[in-house]
């Protein structure tokens, strides 16, 4: 699914920058999905931007809205 993203070329690496580790990227997405499933009180989540290298993936900013 990652390869079908419009921005996939950025994930591969552009303008001399190294690409993102796609396995780590997929793992982080799966972890966010598991969090949302485990905590149904999460109404909204915004992770922007999600930056990555070959060694790490980091959410620079996050906002989570909880509903009871």
C-alpha atoms as a PDB file:
ATOM      1  CA  UNK A   1       0.000   0.000   0.000  1.00  0.00           C
ATOM      2  CA  UNK A   2       2.875   2.380   0.704  1.00  0.00           C
ATOM      3  CA  UNK A   3       4.009   2.063  -2.916  1.00  0.00           C
ATOM      4  CA  UNK A   4       0.587   3.275  -4.079  1.00  0.00           C
ATOM      5  CA  UNK A   5       0.890   6.628  -2.246  1.00  0.00           C
ATOM      6  CA  UNK A   6       1.134   9.720  -4.441  1.00  0.00           C
ATOM      7  CA  UNK A   7       4.182  10.804  -2.448  1.00  0.00           C
ATOM      8  CA  UNK A   8       5.956   7.460  -2.729  1.00  0.00           C
ATOM      9  CA  UNK A   9       8.869   9.007  -4.632  1.00  0.00           C
ATOM     10  CA  UNK A  10       9.585  11.158  -1.559  1.00  0.00           C
ATOM     11  CA  UNK A  11       9.671   8.014   0.593  1.00  0.00           C
ATOM     12  CA  UNK A  12      12.178   6.499  -1.839  1.00  0.00           C
ATOM     13  CA  UNK A  13      14.406   9.569  -1.535  1.00  0.00           C
ATOM     14  CA  UNK A  14      14.638  12.692  -3.670  1.00  0.00           C
ATOM     15  CA  UNK A  15      17.067  15.563  -4.307  1.00  0.00           C
ATOM     16  CA  UNK A  16      20.040  13.680  -2.915  1.00  0.00           C
ATOM     17  CA  UNK A  17      18.311  12.694   0.326  1.00  0.00           C
ATOM     18  CA  UNK A  18      18.259   9.066   1.399  1.00  0.00           C
ATOM     19  CA  UNK A  19      14.989   7.196   1.343  1.00  0.00           C
ATOM     20  CA  UNK A  20      12.864   6.182   4.304  1.00  0.00           C
ATOM     21  CA  UNK A  21      13.073   2.669   5.715  1.00  0.00           C
ATOM     22  CA  UNK A  22       9.776   1.335   4.375  1.00  0.00           C
ATOM     23  CA  UNK A  23       9.604  -1.496   6.920  1.00  0.00           C
ATOM     24  CA  UNK A  24       9.910   0.976   9.820  1.00  0.00           C
ATOM     25  CA  UNK A  25       7.377   3.268   8.147  1.00  0.00           C
ATOM     26  CA  UNK A  26       4.869   0.422   7.766  1.00  0.00           C
ATOM     27  CA  UNK A  27       5.499  -0.646  11.375  1.00  0.00           C
ATOM     28  CA  UNK A  28       4.749   2.856  12.673  1.00  0.00           C
ATOM     29  CA  UNK A  29       1.521   2.998  10.690  1.00  0.00           C
ATOM     30  CA  UNK A  30       0.526  -0.413  12.085  1.00  0.00           C
ATOM     31  CA  UNK A  31       1.292   0.785  15.629  1.00  0.00           C
ATOM     32  CA  UNK A  32      -0.883   3.876  15.212  1.00  0.00           C
ATOM     33  CA  UNK A  33      -3.649   1.638  13.875  1.00  0.00           C
ATOM     34  CA  UNK A  34      -3.310  -0.682  16.890  1.00  0.00           C
ATOM     35  CA  UNK A  35      -3.435   2.323  19.255  1.00  0.00           C
ATOM     36  CA  UNK A  36      -6.636   3.603  17.686  1.00  0.00           C
ATOM     37  CA  UNK A  37      -8.218   0.144  17.902  1.00  0.00           C
ATOM     38  CA  UNK A  38      -7.165  -0.273  21.541  1.00  0.00           C
ATOM     39  CA  UNK A  39      -8.387   3.199  22.537  1.00  0.00           C
ATOM     40  CA  UNK A  40     -11.779   3.840  20.908  1.00  0.00           C
ATOM     41  CA  UNK A  41     -12.019   7.122  22.818  1.00  0.00           C
ATOM     42  CA  UNK A  42      -9.550   8.597  20.299  1.00  0.00           C
ATOM     43  CA  UNK A  43     -11.852  10.603  18.039  1.00  0.00           C
ATOM     44  CA  UNK A  44      -9.160  12.277  15.920  1.00  0.00           C
ATOM     45  CA  UNK A  45      -5.422  12.016  15.499  1.00  0.00           C
ATOM     46  CA  UNK A  46      -3.114  14.233  13.469  1.00  0.00           C
ATOM     47  CA  UNK A  47       0.555  13.310  13.053  1.00  0.00           C
ATOM     48  CA  UNK A  48       2.181  15.936  10.920  1.00  0.00           C
ATOM     49  CA  UNK A  49       4.813  15.635   9.679  1.00  0.00           C
ATOM     50  CA  UNK A  50       6.034  12.078   9.980  1.00  0.00           C
ATOM     51  CA  UNK A  51       9.753  12.227   9.125  1.00  0.00           C
ATOM     52  CA  UNK A  52      11.931   9.255   8.407  1.00  0.00           C
ATOM     53  CA  UNK A  53      15.404   8.090   7.514  1.00  0.00           C
ATOM     54  CA  UNK A  54      16.870   4.643   7.012  1.00  0.00           C
ATOM     55  CA  UNK A  55      17.187   4.304  10.805  1.00  0.00           C
ATOM     56  CA  UNK A  56      14.167   6.015  12.378  1.00  0.00           C
ATOM     57  CA  UNK A  57      10.666   7.397  11.909  1.00  0.00           C
ATOM     58  CA  UNK A  58       9.564  10.369  14.047  1.00  0.00           C
ATOM     59  CA  UNK A  59       6.262  12.211  14.416  1.00  0.00           C
ATOM     60  CA  UNK A  60       7.355  15.841  14.722  1.00  0.00           C
ATOM     61  CA  UNK A  61       3.986  17.073  15.932  1.00  0.00           C
ATOM     62  CA  UNK A  62       0.915  15.201  17.145  1.00  0.00           C
ATOM     63  CA  UNK A  63      -2.593  16.171  18.143  1.00  0.00           C
ATOM     64  CA  UNK A  64      -5.064  13.699  19.593  1.00  0.00           C
ATOM     65  CA  UNK A  65      -8.688  14.523  20.421  1.00  0.00           C
ATOM     66  CA  UNK A  66     -10.385  12.276  22.962  1.00  0.00           C
ATOM     67  CA  UNK A  67     -14.170  11.784  23.232  1.00  0.00           C
ATOM     68  CA  UNK A  68     -16.002   9.961  25.964  1.00  0.00           C
END
